[in-house]
Amino acid sequence: MNGRWYYLNANGDMAIGWILVNGVWYYLNPMAGVLDPGGNPIPEGAMYVSAVTPDGYHVGVSGALIGR
């Protein structure tokens, strides 16, 4: 809608915060419920797992910080 990505749950309510869609975690702005890839360095708003973030932090399979 309006060039922005929203997610409606089974009740038709707009989701906010972290959501799991098809095995991928996404973060939706808690104030507006919108995914904002322009303001989020994670591609498409997805959560990093088993990866190194752009600022050098290692995250595990759950997305939890392992270290630098």
C-alpha atoms as a PDB file:
ATOM      1  CA  MET A   1       0.000   0.000   0.000  1.00  0.00           C
ATOM      2  CA  ASN A   2       1.447   3.399  -0.973  1.00  0.00           C
ATOM      3  CA  GLY A   3       4.722   1.691  -1.930  1.00  0.00           C
ATOM      4  CA  ARG A   4       5.158   0.293   1.585  1.00  0.00           C
ATOM      5  CA  TRP A   5       5.072  -3.271   2.883  1.00  0.00           C
ATOM      6  CA  TYR A   6       2.625  -4.135   5.657  1.00  0.00           C
ATOM      7  CA  TYR A   7       1.559  -7.494   7.052  1.00  0.00           C
ATOM      8  CA  LEU A   8      -1.963  -8.306   8.200  1.00  0.00           C
ATOM      9  CA  ASN A   9      -2.432 -11.246  10.556  1.00  0.00           C
ATOM     10  CA  ALA A  10      -5.218 -13.854  10.323  1.00  0.00           C
ATOM     11  CA  ASN A  11      -7.613 -11.458  12.100  1.00  0.00           C
ATOM     12  CA  GLY A  12      -6.860  -8.690   9.602  1.00  0.00           C
ATOM     13  CA  ASP A  13      -4.911  -6.662  12.171  1.00  0.00           C
ATOM     14  CA  MET A  14      -1.724  -4.913  11.081  1.00  0.00           C
ATOM     15  CA  ALA A  15       1.323  -6.670  12.536  1.00  0.00           C
ATOM     16  CA  ILE A  16       4.094  -4.745  14.300  1.00  0.00           C
ATOM     17  CA  GLY A  17       7.531  -5.675  15.643  1.00  0.00           C
ATOM     18  CA  TRP A  18       9.114  -9.013  14.694  1.00  0.00           C
ATOM     19  CA  ILE A  19       7.060 -11.389  12.539  1.00  0.00           C
ATOM     20  CA  LEU A  20       7.897 -14.775  11.008  1.00  0.00           C
ATOM     21  CA  VAL A  21       6.780 -15.183   7.380  1.00  0.00           C
ATOM     22  CA  ASN A  22       7.667 -18.315   5.401  1.00  0.00           C
ATOM     23  CA  GLY A  23      10.610 -19.074   7.696  1.00  0.00           C
ATOM     24  CA  VAL A  24      12.094 -15.549   7.522  1.00  0.00           C
ATOM     25  CA  TRP A  25      11.923 -13.020  10.360  1.00  0.00           C
ATOM     26  CA  TYR A  26      10.999  -9.423   9.490  1.00  0.00           C
ATOM     27  CA  TYR A  27      10.901  -6.313  11.650  1.00  0.00           C
ATOM     28  CA  LEU A  28       7.982  -3.937  11.174  1.00  0.00           C
ATOM     29  CA  ASN A  29       8.144  -0.464  12.662  1.00  0.00           C
ATOM     30  CA  PRO A  30       6.196  -0.706  15.952  1.00  0.00           C
ATOM     31  CA  MET A  31       4.687   2.754  15.518  1.00  0.00           C
ATOM     32  CA  ALA A  32       3.520   2.417  11.909  1.00  0.00           C
ATOM     33  CA  GLY A  33       3.619  -1.339  11.255  1.00  0.00           C
ATOM     34  CA  VAL A  34       5.588  -0.758   8.072  1.00  0.00           C
ATOM     35  CA  LEU A  35       8.716  -2.395   6.730  1.00  0.00           C
ATOM     36  CA  ASP A  36      11.167   0.371   5.880  1.00  0.00           C
ATOM     37  CA  PRO A  37      14.072  -1.057   3.896  1.00  0.00           C
ATOM     38  CA  GLY A  38      15.384   2.466   3.290  1.00  0.00           C
ATOM     39  CA  GLY A  39      15.931   2.967   7.012  1.00  0.00           C
ATOM     40  CA  ASN A  40      17.008  -0.585   7.732  1.00  0.00           C
ATOM     41  CA  PRO A  41      20.432  -1.929   6.696  1.00  0.00           C
ATOM     42  CA  ILE A  42      19.152  -5.527   6.676  1.00  0.00           C
ATOM     43  CA  PRO A  43      18.038  -6.523   3.164  1.00  0.00           C
ATOM     44  CA  GLU A  44      14.240  -6.421   2.906  1.00  0.00           C
ATOM     45  CA  GLY A  45      14.038  -5.987   6.692  1.00  0.00           C
ATOM     46  CA  ALA A  46      14.894  -9.652   7.305  1.00  0.00           C
ATOM     47  CA  MET A  47      16.769 -10.701  10.438  1.00  0.00           C
ATOM     48  CA  TYR A  48      20.408 -11.786  10.181  1.00  0.00           C
ATOM     49  CA  VAL A  49      20.996 -15.429  11.164  1.00  0.00           C
ATOM     50  CA  SER A  50      24.254 -17.400  11.005  1.00  0.00           C
ATOM     51  CA  ALA A  51      25.956 -14.344   9.556  1.00  0.00           C
ATOM     52  CA  VAL A  52      28.210 -11.373  10.153  1.00  0.00           C
ATOM     53  CA  THR A  53      26.495  -7.995  10.257  1.00  0.00           C
ATOM     54  CA  PRO A  54      27.866  -5.062   8.229  1.00  0.00           C
ATOM     55  CA  ASP A  55      29.422  -3.655  11.420  1.00  0.00           C
ATOM     56  CA  GLY A  56      31.290  -6.906  12.146  1.00  0.00           C
ATOM     57  CA  TYR A  57      29.115  -8.682  14.713  1.00  0.00           C
ATOM     58  CA  HIS A  58      28.600 -12.446  14.451  1.00  0.00           C
ATOM     59  CA  VAL A  59      25.089 -13.789  15.005  1.00  0.00           C
ATOM     60  CA  GLY A  60      24.060 -17.418  15.442  1.00  0.00           C
ATOM     61  CA  VAL A  61      21.246 -19.532  14.026  1.00  0.00           C
ATOM     62  CA  SER A  62      18.706 -17.853  16.321  1.00  0.00           C
ATOM     63  CA  GLY A  63      19.911 -14.369  15.381  1.00  0.00           C
ATOM     64  CA  ALA A  64      21.420 -13.908  18.846  1.00  0.00           C
ATOM     65  CA  LEU A  65      24.712 -12.048  19.130  1.00  0.00           C
ATOM     66  CA  ILE A  66      27.744 -14.345  19.399  1.00  0.00           C
ATOM     67  CA  GLY A  67      30.436 -11.680  19.452  1.00  0.00           C
ATOM     68  CA  ARG A  68      32.632  -9.525  17.339  1.00  0.00           C
END
